[in-house]
Each structure stands twice: as structure tokens, then as C-alpha cells.
């Protein structure tokens, strides 16, 4: 683990140990920690920065031994995007390379997901948040059709093990899924 990632993990451990979302200034401290991590693009190992030709990759950078939080790199090939999905836990996203766009959605029963708010674009160094308490359903896409983008995410649980939901664009019941992780590429 690199020094920058080690510092970030220690910061998140302190936030979680202090009570997580229930503590005052949680979001501010979480955002500051992520901003510090993505301020420089010199720490992410090449093995967890490799795109797949068809699917975005979710590489585990760190998983707390008690599954209290996890840190992942999302590697977006050109034009790749997620389905409309939720997280069920708090999360912070920091843009490291390239750019991604995010559309938030409102979910009401089995009707088609309804876009809410403007399309948001993250550039390197910028951050965003997700959580059931502040907005948890979105679709994320690489903003570029000709190059990769990489974002770093931290979640309030081991996101590779959490049962989450995908929401069909045309409506209908949500589908449960557990994302797991992509295997790092060995040189």
C-alpha cells in the first residue's frame, strides 16, 4: 500500500472509529480526506488501473478486516457506464484521471427511475458523495468516448460483498446484485 493510500485508510479508520455518519463534520472530514488522496496522481499501482474492453473495472485497494469500509479504484474504458444502481451505505468518490458524469435518480416502487437534478461532471481532484440519507441511486459514465477515466471510491462497508440493487430503466422490480471485485492485472 502506498503512503498516500495508507494515510487515507488511517483517516477513514479514525472517522469510522469515531462513529461514522453520526459524528459532527463527518462529511466534511470524509471529503477532505478524499480530496487529499486525489490531489496527486502518482500513487495508484498500474495493476489496479487497467481497463477492460467491455466493462468498467472495480479493483479493491483496501477492505477493512471487519468490513466497516472499503476503498476501490473504478477504471472506466472509453464510453463505459454503470446501470442505474444504489449503494445502501455512505460513499465518497474522488476523480483521479479523466472525467466521469453522474445522473441521480428517484425510485418510486416499480415505476421507471426518474432522473433528478442536473447531470454532474467530476474532473480530477473533485469529489462527490452518496448515501441513503443524501441520495443513493445513480448512473455513472466515463465522460470520454476515446480514453479511460479513473475514480477512487470509499464506502461504509465492503462494497464488493454488499447486496445492492440495479433498477431497470423501463421500470419493474429492482434486481439484487453483489458486485465483487475485478482481479488486479499482474505484469
N, C-alpha and C. Protein backbone atom coordinates (compact mmCIF):
# COMPACT_ATOMS: atom_id res chain seq x y z
N UNK A 1 0.86 -1.17 0.00
CA UNK A 1 0.00 0.00 0.00
C UNK A 1 0.90 1.24 0.00
N UNK A 2 0.62 2.17 -0.87
CA UNK A 2 1.42 3.39 -0.97
C UNK A 2 1.16 4.30 0.23
N UNK A 3 2.05 5.26 0.43
CA UNK A 3 1.91 6.18 1.55
C UNK A 3 0.63 6.99 1.49
N UNK A 4 0.26 7.47 0.30
CA UNK A 4 -0.97 8.27 0.16
C UNK A 4 -2.19 7.44 0.53
N UNK A 5 -2.25 6.21 0.04
CA UNK A 5 -3.39 5.35 0.35
C UNK A 5 -3.38 4.97 1.83
N UNK A 6 -2.22 4.72 2.39
CA UNK A 6 -2.12 4.39 3.82
C UNK A 6 -2.67 5.53 4.68
N UNK A 7 -2.30 6.77 4.35
CA UNK A 7 -2.82 7.94 5.10
C UNK A 7 -4.34 8.03 4.97
N UNK A 8 -4.84 7.80 3.77
CA UNK A 8 -6.28 7.86 3.55
C UNK A 8 -6.99 6.79 4.39
N UNK A 9 -6.49 5.57 4.37
CA UNK A 9 -7.10 4.49 5.15
C UNK A 9 -7.09 4.84 6.63
N UNK A 10 -6.00 5.39 7.14
CA UNK A 10 -5.95 5.79 8.56
C UNK A 10 -7.00 6.86 8.85
N UNK A 11 -7.16 7.83 7.94
CA UNK A 11 -8.18 8.87 8.12
C UNK A 11 -9.58 8.26 8.19
N UNK A 12 -9.87 7.31 7.32
CA UNK A 12 -11.19 6.68 7.30
C UNK A 12 -11.38 5.83 8.56
N UNK A 13 -10.34 5.12 8.97
CA UNK A 13 -10.44 4.34 10.22
C UNK A 13 -10.80 5.25 11.39
N UNK A 14 -10.17 6.41 11.47
CA UNK A 14 -10.47 7.35 12.55
C UNK A 14 -11.91 7.83 12.49
N UNK A 15 -12.40 8.13 11.29
CA UNK A 15 -13.80 8.57 11.14
C UNK A 15 -14.78 7.47 11.55
N UNK A 16 -14.50 6.25 11.12
CA UNK A 16 -15.38 5.12 11.45
C UNK A 16 -15.32 4.84 12.95
N UNK A 17 -14.12 4.85 13.53
CA UNK A 17 -13.97 4.60 14.96
C UNK A 17 -14.70 5.66 15.80
N UNK A 18 -14.79 6.88 15.27
CA UNK A 18 -15.43 7.98 15.99
C UNK A 18 -16.95 7.99 15.83
N UNK A 19 -17.49 7.05 15.09
CA UNK A 19 -18.95 6.97 14.96
C UNK A 19 -19.48 7.14 13.55
N UNK A 20 -18.61 7.32 12.57
CA UNK A 20 -19.05 7.41 11.19
C UNK A 20 -20.01 8.55 10.94
N UNK A 21 -21.06 8.26 10.18
CA UNK A 21 -22.04 9.27 9.77
C UNK A 21 -22.67 10.02 10.94
N UNK A 22 -22.71 9.40 12.11
CA UNK A 22 -23.39 10.01 13.25
C UNK A 22 -22.57 11.14 13.90
N UNK A 23 -21.30 11.25 13.57
CA UNK A 23 -20.48 12.28 14.20
C UNK A 23 -20.60 13.61 13.46
N UNK A 24 -20.47 14.71 14.19
CA UNK A 24 -20.48 16.03 13.54
C UNK A 24 -19.31 16.14 12.57
N UNK A 25 -19.52 16.82 11.49
CA UNK A 25 -18.49 17.10 10.48
C UNK A 25 -18.00 15.85 9.74
N UNK A 26 -18.75 14.73 9.82
CA UNK A 26 -18.34 13.51 9.13
C UNK A 26 -18.10 13.76 7.65
N UNK A 27 -19.09 14.36 6.97
CA UNK A 27 -18.99 14.55 5.52
C UNK A 27 -17.84 15.47 5.17
N UNK A 28 -17.65 16.50 5.95
CA UNK A 28 -16.56 17.45 5.70
C UNK A 28 -15.21 16.74 5.83
N UNK A 29 -15.04 15.96 6.88
CA UNK A 29 -13.77 15.25 7.10
C UNK A 29 -13.56 14.16 6.05
N UNK A 30 -14.64 13.47 5.69
CA UNK A 30 -14.55 12.44 4.65
C UNK A 30 -14.14 13.07 3.33
N UNK A 31 -14.77 14.18 2.99
CA UNK A 31 -14.43 14.88 1.75
C UNK A 31 -13.01 15.41 1.75
N UNK A 32 -12.56 15.93 2.87
CA UNK A 32 -11.18 16.43 2.97
C UNK A 32 -10.17 15.31 2.76
N UNK A 33 -10.44 14.16 3.37
CA UNK A 33 -9.54 13.01 3.22
C UNK A 33 -9.46 12.57 1.76
N UNK A 34 -10.61 12.49 1.08
CA UNK A 34 -10.61 12.08 -0.32
C UNK A 34 -9.94 13.14 -1.19
N UNK A 35 -10.21 14.41 -0.91
CA UNK A 35 -9.57 15.48 -1.69
C UNK A 35 -8.05 15.39 -1.61
N UNK A 36 -7.56 15.10 -0.42
CA UNK A 36 -6.11 14.95 -0.24
C UNK A 36 -5.59 13.76 -1.06
N UNK A 37 -6.33 12.66 -1.06
CA UNK A 37 -5.89 11.46 -1.78
C UNK A 37 -5.81 11.70 -3.29
N UNK A 38 -6.81 12.36 -3.87
CA UNK A 38 -6.84 12.53 -5.33
C UNK A 38 -6.17 13.82 -5.80
N UNK A 39 -5.56 14.56 -4.88
CA UNK A 39 -4.88 15.80 -5.26
C UNK A 39 -3.65 15.52 -6.12
N UNK A 40 -3.05 14.36 -5.93
CA UNK A 40 -1.88 13.96 -6.73
C UNK A 40 -2.16 12.62 -7.39
N UNK A 41 -1.75 12.49 -8.62
CA UNK A 41 -1.95 11.25 -9.36
C UNK A 41 -0.61 10.56 -9.55
N UNK A 42 -0.01 10.13 -8.44
CA UNK A 42 1.29 9.47 -8.51
C UNK A 42 1.37 8.23 -7.61
N UNK A 43 0.24 7.74 -7.14
CA UNK A 43 0.27 6.68 -6.12
C UNK A 43 -0.46 5.40 -6.51
N UNK A 44 -1.32 5.44 -7.51
CA UNK A 44 -2.14 4.27 -7.84
C UNK A 44 -1.31 3.25 -8.62
N UNK A 45 -1.19 2.02 -8.11
CA UNK A 45 -0.42 0.99 -8.84
C UNK A 45 -1.04 0.69 -10.20
N UNK A 46 -0.17 0.44 -11.18
CA UNK A 46 -0.64 0.13 -12.54
C UNK A 46 -1.56 -1.07 -12.57
N UNK A 47 -1.36 -2.03 -11.67
CA UNK A 47 -2.15 -3.27 -11.68
C UNK A 47 -3.63 -3.04 -11.40
N UNK A 48 -3.98 -1.90 -10.80
CA UNK A 48 -5.38 -1.59 -10.48
C UNK A 48 -5.84 -0.33 -11.24
N UNK A 49 -5.23 -0.13 -12.41
CA UNK A 49 -5.58 1.00 -13.27
C UNK A 49 -5.77 0.54 -14.71
N UNK A 50 -6.10 -0.74 -14.89
CA UNK A 50 -6.21 -1.33 -16.22
C UNK A 50 -7.69 -1.45 -16.61
N UNK A 51 -8.06 -0.89 -17.76
CA UNK A 51 -9.44 -1.01 -18.21
C UNK A 51 -9.70 -2.38 -18.84
N UNK A 52 -10.97 -2.72 -18.94
CA UNK A 52 -11.43 -3.90 -19.67
C UNK A 52 -12.09 -3.37 -20.94
N UNK A 53 -11.99 -4.08 -22.07
CA UNK A 53 -12.57 -3.54 -23.30
C UNK A 53 -14.10 -3.41 -23.29
N UNK A 54 -14.78 -4.15 -22.40
CA UNK A 54 -16.24 -4.10 -22.41
C UNK A 54 -16.86 -3.54 -21.14
N UNK A 55 -16.22 -3.75 -19.97
CA UNK A 55 -16.85 -3.43 -18.69
C UNK A 55 -15.95 -2.56 -17.83
N UNK A 56 -16.55 -1.66 -17.08
CA UNK A 56 -15.75 -0.92 -16.11
C UNK A 56 -15.21 -1.91 -15.09
N UNK A 57 -14.09 -1.57 -14.48
CA UNK A 57 -13.44 -2.44 -13.51
C UNK A 57 -13.52 -1.81 -12.13
N UNK A 58 -13.74 -2.63 -11.11
CA UNK A 58 -13.80 -2.19 -9.72
C UNK A 58 -12.74 -2.99 -8.95
N UNK A 59 -11.58 -2.35 -8.73
CA UNK A 59 -10.47 -3.01 -8.05
C UNK A 59 -10.46 -2.64 -6.58
N UNK A 60 -10.31 -3.63 -5.71
CA UNK A 60 -10.24 -3.38 -4.28
C UNK A 60 -8.83 -2.91 -3.92
N UNK A 61 -8.73 -1.70 -3.38
CA UNK A 61 -7.46 -1.16 -2.92
C UNK A 61 -7.24 -1.46 -1.44
N UNK A 62 -8.36 -1.50 -0.68
CA UNK A 62 -8.29 -1.83 0.73
C UNK A 62 -9.68 -2.22 1.22
N UNK A 63 -9.76 -3.28 1.98
CA UNK A 63 -11.01 -3.68 2.65
C UNK A 63 -10.70 -3.83 4.13
N UNK A 64 -11.39 -3.08 4.95
CA UNK A 64 -11.23 -3.17 6.39
C UNK A 64 -11.48 -4.62 6.83
N UNK A 65 -10.65 -5.15 7.72
CA UNK A 65 -10.81 -6.56 8.14
C UNK A 65 -12.19 -6.87 8.74
N UNK A 66 -12.86 -5.86 9.30
CA UNK A 66 -14.20 -6.05 9.86
C UNK A 66 -15.30 -5.58 8.92
N UNK A 67 -14.94 -5.33 7.65
CA UNK A 67 -15.90 -4.89 6.61
C UNK A 67 -16.60 -3.57 6.97
N UNK A 68 -15.95 -2.71 7.75
CA UNK A 68 -16.55 -1.42 8.11
C UNK A 68 -16.45 -0.41 6.98
N UNK A 69 -15.45 -0.57 6.11
CA UNK A 69 -15.31 0.31 4.95
C UNK A 69 -14.40 -0.35 3.92
N UNK A 70 -14.41 0.19 2.72
CA UNK A 70 -13.54 -0.30 1.66
C UNK A 70 -13.15 0.87 0.76
N UNK A 71 -12.05 0.69 0.06
CA UNK A 71 -11.54 1.70 -0.88
C UNK A 71 -11.29 0.98 -2.20
N UNK A 72 -11.81 1.53 -3.29
CA UNK A 72 -11.70 0.89 -4.60
C UNK A 72 -11.31 1.91 -5.67
N UNK A 73 -10.70 1.39 -6.73
CA UNK A 73 -10.50 2.22 -7.92
C UNK A 73 -11.49 1.74 -8.97
N UNK A 74 -12.17 2.68 -9.58
CA UNK A 74 -13.06 2.39 -10.70
C UNK A 74 -12.33 2.82 -11.96
N UNK A 75 -12.13 1.88 -12.87
CA UNK A 75 -11.43 2.16 -14.11
C UNK A 75 -12.44 2.04 -15.24
N UNK A 76 -12.64 3.16 -15.92
CA UNK A 76 -13.64 3.26 -16.97
C UNK A 76 -12.95 3.25 -18.33
N UNK A 77 -13.27 2.26 -19.16
CA UNK A 77 -12.83 2.30 -20.54
C UNK A 77 -13.65 3.34 -21.28
N UNK A 78 -13.26 3.67 -22.51
CA UNK A 78 -13.99 4.67 -23.29
C UNK A 78 -15.48 4.35 -23.39
N UNK A 79 -16.32 5.32 -23.01
CA UNK A 79 -17.76 5.20 -23.15
C UNK A 79 -18.46 4.26 -22.20
N UNK A 80 -17.77 3.66 -21.25
CA UNK A 80 -18.40 2.69 -20.35
C UNK A 80 -19.25 3.38 -19.28
N UNK A 81 -20.27 2.67 -18.81
CA UNK A 81 -21.14 3.22 -17.77
C UNK A 81 -21.73 2.10 -16.92
N UNK A 82 -22.24 2.49 -15.78
CA UNK A 82 -22.92 1.55 -14.89
C UNK A 82 -24.40 1.50 -15.25
N UNK A 83 -25.10 0.49 -14.78
CA UNK A 83 -26.56 0.57 -14.80
C UNK A 83 -27.00 1.53 -13.69
N UNK A 84 -28.26 1.84 -13.63
CA UNK A 84 -28.80 2.63 -12.51
C UNK A 84 -28.76 1.72 -11.29
N UNK A 85 -28.12 2.19 -10.21
CA UNK A 85 -27.88 1.33 -9.06
C UNK A 85 -27.85 2.13 -7.76
N UNK A 86 -27.89 1.40 -6.64
CA UNK A 86 -27.74 2.02 -5.32
C UNK A 86 -26.51 1.46 -4.64
N UNK A 87 -26.26 1.94 -3.41
CA UNK A 87 -25.08 1.52 -2.65
C UNK A 87 -25.46 0.98 -1.27
N UNK A 88 -26.47 1.52 -0.66
CA UNK A 88 -27.02 1.17 0.66
C UNK A 88 -26.14 1.61 1.83
N UNK A 89 -25.00 2.21 1.55
CA UNK A 89 -24.07 2.71 2.57
C UNK A 89 -23.54 4.07 2.12
N UNK A 90 -22.86 4.79 3.03
CA UNK A 90 -22.25 6.06 2.63
C UNK A 90 -21.09 5.80 1.68
N UNK A 91 -20.80 6.81 0.87
CA UNK A 91 -19.67 6.72 -0.03
C UNK A 91 -19.15 8.08 -0.42
N UNK A 92 -17.88 8.13 -0.75
CA UNK A 92 -17.26 9.34 -1.29
C UNK A 92 -16.49 8.93 -2.54
N UNK A 93 -16.59 9.76 -3.56
CA UNK A 93 -15.94 9.50 -4.84
C UNK A 93 -14.98 10.64 -5.11
N UNK A 94 -13.77 10.31 -5.51
CA UNK A 94 -12.78 11.32 -5.90
C UNK A 94 -12.28 11.01 -7.29
N UNK A 95 -12.26 12.02 -8.15
CA UNK A 95 -11.81 11.83 -9.53
C UNK A 95 -10.30 11.94 -9.58
N UNK A 96 -9.66 10.89 -10.12
CA UNK A 96 -8.20 10.87 -10.19
C UNK A 96 -7.70 11.20 -11.60
N UNK A 97 -8.26 10.54 -12.62
CA UNK A 97 -7.84 10.75 -14.01
C UNK A 97 -9.06 10.82 -14.90
N UNK A 98 -8.99 11.63 -15.92
CA UNK A 98 -10.08 11.72 -16.87
C UNK A 98 -11.26 12.45 -16.27
N UNK A 99 -12.47 11.98 -16.55
CA UNK A 99 -13.68 12.62 -16.06
C UNK A 99 -14.83 11.63 -16.12
N UNK A 100 -15.78 11.77 -15.22
CA UNK A 100 -16.98 10.95 -15.28
C UNK A 100 -18.20 11.84 -15.07
N UNK A 101 -19.33 11.36 -15.57
CA UNK A 101 -20.59 12.06 -15.41
C UNK A 101 -21.54 11.17 -14.62
N UNK A 102 -22.40 11.81 -13.84
CA UNK A 102 -23.30 11.09 -12.96
C UNK A 102 -24.70 11.70 -13.05
N UNK A 103 -25.69 10.83 -13.18
CA UNK A 103 -27.08 11.26 -13.15
C UNK A 103 -27.75 10.59 -11.96
N UNK A 104 -28.30 11.40 -11.06
CA UNK A 104 -29.05 10.88 -9.91
C UNK A 104 -30.46 10.51 -10.35
N UNK A 105 -31.07 9.56 -9.64
CA UNK A 105 -32.42 9.10 -9.95
C UNK A 105 -33.25 8.98 -8.68
N UNK A 106 -34.55 9.19 -8.84
CA UNK A 106 -35.52 8.90 -7.79
C UNK A 106 -36.19 7.58 -8.15
N UNK A 107 -36.40 6.76 -7.14
CA UNK A 107 -37.03 5.46 -7.34
C UNK A 107 -38.35 5.46 -6.58
N UNK A 108 -39.43 5.10 -7.28
CA UNK A 108 -40.75 5.02 -6.66
C UNK A 108 -41.40 3.70 -7.06
N UNK A 109 -41.26 2.73 -6.18
CA UNK A 109 -41.84 1.42 -6.46
C UNK A 109 -41.24 0.79 -7.70
N UNK A 110 -42.08 0.23 -8.54
CA UNK A 110 -41.61 -0.45 -9.75
C UNK A 110 -41.72 0.41 -11.00
N UNK A 111 -41.98 1.71 -10.83
CA UNK A 111 -42.05 2.59 -12.00
C UNK A 111 -40.64 2.86 -12.52
N UNK A 112 -40.54 3.39 -13.72
CA UNK A 112 -39.23 3.70 -14.31
C UNK A 112 -38.51 4.72 -13.44
N UNK A 113 -37.20 4.54 -13.23
CA UNK A 113 -36.44 5.52 -12.46
C UNK A 113 -36.57 6.91 -13.10
N UNK A 114 -36.69 7.92 -12.25
CA UNK A 114 -36.89 9.29 -12.73
C UNK A 114 -35.61 10.11 -12.47
N UNK A 115 -34.99 10.64 -13.54
CA UNK A 115 -33.80 11.47 -13.32
C UNK A 115 -34.14 12.68 -12.45
N UNK A 116 -33.25 13.00 -11.52
CA UNK A 116 -33.44 14.19 -10.68
C UNK A 116 -32.16 15.03 -10.73
N UNK A 117 -32.35 16.31 -10.75
CA UNK A 117 -31.21 17.22 -10.79
C UNK A 117 -30.50 17.19 -12.13
N UNK A 118 -29.46 17.96 -12.20
CA UNK A 118 -28.66 18.08 -13.42
C UNK A 118 -27.62 16.95 -13.49
N UNK A 119 -27.18 16.65 -14.68
CA UNK A 119 -26.07 15.75 -14.88
C UNK A 119 -24.84 16.41 -14.26
N UNK A 120 -24.13 15.67 -13.41
CA UNK A 120 -22.94 16.22 -12.74
C UNK A 120 -21.69 15.63 -13.36
N UNK A 121 -20.69 16.47 -13.53
CA UNK A 121 -19.43 16.02 -14.11
C UNK A 121 -18.31 16.21 -13.08
N UNK A 122 -17.52 15.17 -12.87
CA UNK A 122 -16.38 15.24 -11.97
C UNK A 122 -15.10 15.30 -12.79
N UNK A 123 -14.27 16.26 -12.45
CA UNK A 123 -12.95 16.43 -13.05
C UNK A 123 -11.90 16.04 -12.02
N UNK A 124 -10.65 15.81 -12.44
CA UNK A 124 -9.61 15.42 -11.49
C UNK A 124 -9.55 16.35 -10.28
N UNK A 125 -9.50 15.72 -9.08
CA UNK A 125 -9.44 16.46 -7.82
C UNK A 125 -10.79 16.75 -7.21
N UNK A 126 -11.87 16.62 -7.98
CA UNK A 126 -13.21 16.89 -7.45
C UNK A 126 -13.78 15.65 -6.77
N UNK A 127 -14.72 15.89 -5.85
CA UNK A 127 -15.33 14.79 -5.10
C UNK A 127 -16.84 14.89 -5.14
N UNK A 128 -17.49 13.76 -4.82
CA UNK A 128 -18.95 13.69 -4.70
C UNK A 128 -19.27 12.66 -3.62
N UNK A 129 -20.51 12.68 -3.14
CA UNK A 129 -20.94 11.79 -2.07
C UNK A 129 -22.19 11.03 -2.48
N UNK A 130 -22.38 9.85 -1.88
CA UNK A 130 -23.61 9.07 -1.98
C UNK A 130 -23.92 8.50 -0.60
N UNK A 131 -25.18 8.31 -0.32
CA UNK A 131 -25.63 7.65 0.91
C UNK A 131 -27.15 7.60 0.88
N UNK A 132 -27.75 6.62 1.52
CA UNK A 132 -29.20 6.60 1.60
C UNK A 132 -29.78 7.89 2.17
N UNK A 133 -29.05 8.54 3.06
CA UNK A 133 -29.56 9.77 3.69
C UNK A 133 -29.44 11.01 2.81
N UNK A 134 -28.63 10.97 1.76
CA UNK A 134 -28.42 12.18 0.93
C UNK A 134 -28.66 11.95 -0.55
N UNK A 135 -28.92 10.74 -0.97
CA UNK A 135 -29.11 10.41 -2.38
C UNK A 135 -28.20 9.25 -2.73
N UNK A 136 -28.80 8.13 -3.09
CA UNK A 136 -28.03 6.90 -3.20
C UNK A 136 -28.20 6.18 -4.53
N UNK A 137 -29.03 6.68 -5.42
CA UNK A 137 -29.28 5.97 -6.67
C UNK A 137 -28.78 6.84 -7.83
N UNK A 138 -27.92 6.24 -8.66
CA UNK A 138 -27.39 6.99 -9.80
C UNK A 138 -26.87 6.06 -10.89
N UNK A 139 -26.52 6.68 -12.01
CA UNK A 139 -25.79 6.02 -13.09
C UNK A 139 -24.54 6.86 -13.32
N UNK A 140 -23.41 6.19 -13.46
CA UNK A 140 -22.14 6.87 -13.67
C UNK A 140 -21.55 6.39 -14.99
N UNK A 141 -20.95 7.33 -15.73
CA UNK A 141 -20.36 7.01 -17.03
C UNK A 141 -19.02 7.71 -17.20
N UNK A 142 -18.15 7.09 -17.97
CA UNK A 142 -16.94 7.76 -18.40
C UNK A 142 -17.38 8.92 -19.29
N UNK A 143 -16.87 10.11 -19.03
CA UNK A 143 -17.25 11.28 -19.82
C UNK A 143 -16.62 11.25 -21.21
N UNK A 144 -15.66 10.37 -21.42
CA UNK A 144 -14.94 10.34 -22.68
C UNK A 144 -15.23 9.07 -23.48
N UNK A 145 -15.31 9.21 -24.79
CA UNK A 145 -15.53 8.07 -25.67
C UNK A 145 -14.22 7.58 -26.28
N UNK A 146 -13.10 8.24 -25.94
CA UNK A 146 -11.83 7.89 -26.58
C UNK A 146 -10.68 7.64 -25.60
N UNK A 147 -10.95 7.63 -24.30
CA UNK A 147 -9.86 7.37 -23.35
C UNK A 147 -10.43 6.91 -22.01
N UNK A 148 -9.55 6.39 -21.17
CA UNK A 148 -10.01 5.89 -19.88
C UNK A 148 -10.13 7.01 -18.85
N UNK A 149 -10.87 6.72 -17.82
CA UNK A 149 -11.01 7.60 -16.66
C UNK A 149 -10.91 6.72 -15.42
N UNK A 150 -10.39 7.28 -14.33
CA UNK A 150 -10.25 6.52 -13.08
C UNK A 150 -10.73 7.37 -11.92
N UNK A 151 -11.62 6.80 -11.12
CA UNK A 151 -12.08 7.46 -9.89
C UNK A 151 -11.80 6.53 -8.72
N UNK A 152 -11.62 7.14 -7.55
CA UNK A 152 -11.37 6.39 -6.32
C UNK A 152 -12.60 6.54 -5.44
N UNK A 153 -13.07 5.43 -4.87
CA UNK A 153 -14.28 5.42 -4.06
C UNK A 153 -13.97 4.81 -2.70
N UNK A 154 -14.59 5.36 -1.68
CA UNK A 154 -14.57 4.74 -0.35
C UNK A 154 -16.01 4.58 0.08
N UNK A 155 -16.32 3.44 0.68
CA UNK A 155 -17.69 3.12 1.09
C UNK A 155 -17.73 2.67 2.54
N UNK A 156 -18.88 2.88 3.17
CA UNK A 156 -19.10 2.49 4.56
C UNK A 156 -19.46 1.03 4.71
N UNK A 157 -18.67 0.17 4.15
CA UNK A 157 -18.83 -1.28 4.19
C UNK A 157 -17.94 -1.86 3.11
N UNK A 158 -17.85 -3.16 3.05
CA UNK A 158 -17.08 -3.80 1.99
C UNK A 158 -17.98 -3.89 0.76
N UNK A 159 -17.86 -2.91 -0.12
CA UNK A 159 -18.80 -2.76 -1.24
C UNK A 159 -18.81 -3.99 -2.14
N UNK A 160 -17.73 -4.75 -2.19
CA UNK A 160 -17.69 -5.97 -3.00
C UNK A 160 -18.52 -7.10 -2.45
N UNK A 161 -18.97 -6.97 -1.18
CA UNK A 161 -19.77 -8.01 -0.52
C UNK A 161 -21.21 -7.58 -0.24
N UNK A 162 -21.53 -6.32 -0.44
CA UNK A 162 -22.84 -5.78 -0.04
C UNK A 162 -23.90 -6.09 -1.09
N UNK A 163 -25.06 -6.57 -0.64
CA UNK A 163 -26.19 -6.79 -1.53
C UNK A 163 -26.80 -5.43 -1.88
N UNK A 164 -26.76 -5.11 -3.16
CA UNK A 164 -27.28 -3.83 -3.65
C UNK A 164 -28.33 -4.08 -4.72
N UNK A 165 -28.73 -3.00 -5.42
CA UNK A 165 -29.83 -3.12 -6.38
C UNK A 165 -29.53 -2.39 -7.68
N UNK A 166 -29.96 -3.00 -8.77
CA UNK A 166 -29.97 -2.37 -10.09
C UNK A 166 -31.43 -2.11 -10.41
N UNK A 167 -31.70 -0.93 -10.99
CA UNK A 167 -33.07 -0.53 -11.30
C UNK A 167 -33.23 -0.47 -12.82
N UNK A 168 -34.09 -1.33 -13.40
CA UNK A 168 -34.29 -1.33 -14.85
C UNK A 168 -34.80 0.02 -15.34
N UNK A 169 -34.23 0.49 -16.44
CA UNK A 169 -34.61 1.80 -16.99
C UNK A 169 -36.09 1.90 -17.31
N UNK A 170 -36.68 0.81 -17.75
CA UNK A 170 -38.09 0.83 -18.15
C UNK A 170 -39.04 0.56 -17.00
N UNK A 171 -38.49 0.39 -15.79
CA UNK A 171 -39.32 0.08 -14.64
C UNK A 171 -39.34 -1.41 -14.35
N UNK A 172 -40.07 -1.77 -13.34
CA UNK A 172 -40.11 -3.16 -12.92
C UNK A 172 -39.36 -3.32 -11.63
N UNK A 173 -39.37 -4.53 -11.08
CA UNK A 173 -38.72 -4.73 -9.78
C UNK A 173 -37.20 -4.55 -9.86
N UNK A 174 -36.65 -4.05 -8.76
CA UNK A 174 -35.20 -3.93 -8.65
C UNK A 174 -34.59 -5.33 -8.65
N UNK A 175 -33.38 -5.42 -9.17
CA UNK A 175 -32.66 -6.69 -9.18
C UNK A 175 -31.50 -6.60 -8.20
N UNK A 176 -31.40 -7.57 -7.32
CA UNK A 176 -30.31 -7.61 -6.35
C UNK A 176 -29.02 -8.04 -7.02
N UNK A 177 -27.90 -7.51 -6.53
CA UNK A 177 -26.60 -7.96 -7.01
C UNK A 177 -25.54 -7.69 -5.95
N UNK A 178 -24.46 -8.42 -6.04
CA UNK A 178 -23.26 -8.20 -5.24
C UNK A 178 -22.14 -8.03 -6.25
N UNK A 179 -21.48 -6.90 -6.23
CA UNK A 179 -20.54 -6.56 -7.30
C UNK A 179 -19.26 -7.37 -7.31
N UNK A 180 -18.75 -7.75 -6.16
CA UNK A 180 -17.44 -8.38 -6.13
C UNK A 180 -16.37 -7.38 -6.59
N UNK A 181 -15.20 -7.90 -6.94
CA UNK A 181 -14.09 -7.05 -7.39
C UNK A 181 -13.43 -7.64 -8.62
N UNK A 182 -12.83 -6.78 -9.40
CA UNK A 182 -12.02 -7.21 -10.53
C UNK A 182 -10.67 -7.66 -10.01
N UNK A 183 -10.04 -8.58 -10.70
CA UNK A 183 -8.72 -9.07 -10.31
C UNK A 183 -7.65 -8.10 -10.82
N UNK A 184 -6.73 -7.67 -9.96
CA UNK A 184 -5.64 -6.81 -10.44
C UNK A 184 -4.86 -7.51 -11.55
N UNK A 185 -4.36 -6.72 -12.48
CA UNK A 185 -3.62 -7.26 -13.61
C UNK A 185 -2.15 -7.37 -13.22
N UNK A 186 -1.61 -8.56 -13.33
CA UNK A 186 -0.21 -8.79 -12.97
C UNK A 186 0.67 -8.60 -14.20
N UNK A 187 1.75 -7.87 -14.03
CA UNK A 187 2.66 -7.60 -15.16
C UNK A 187 3.57 -8.78 -15.40
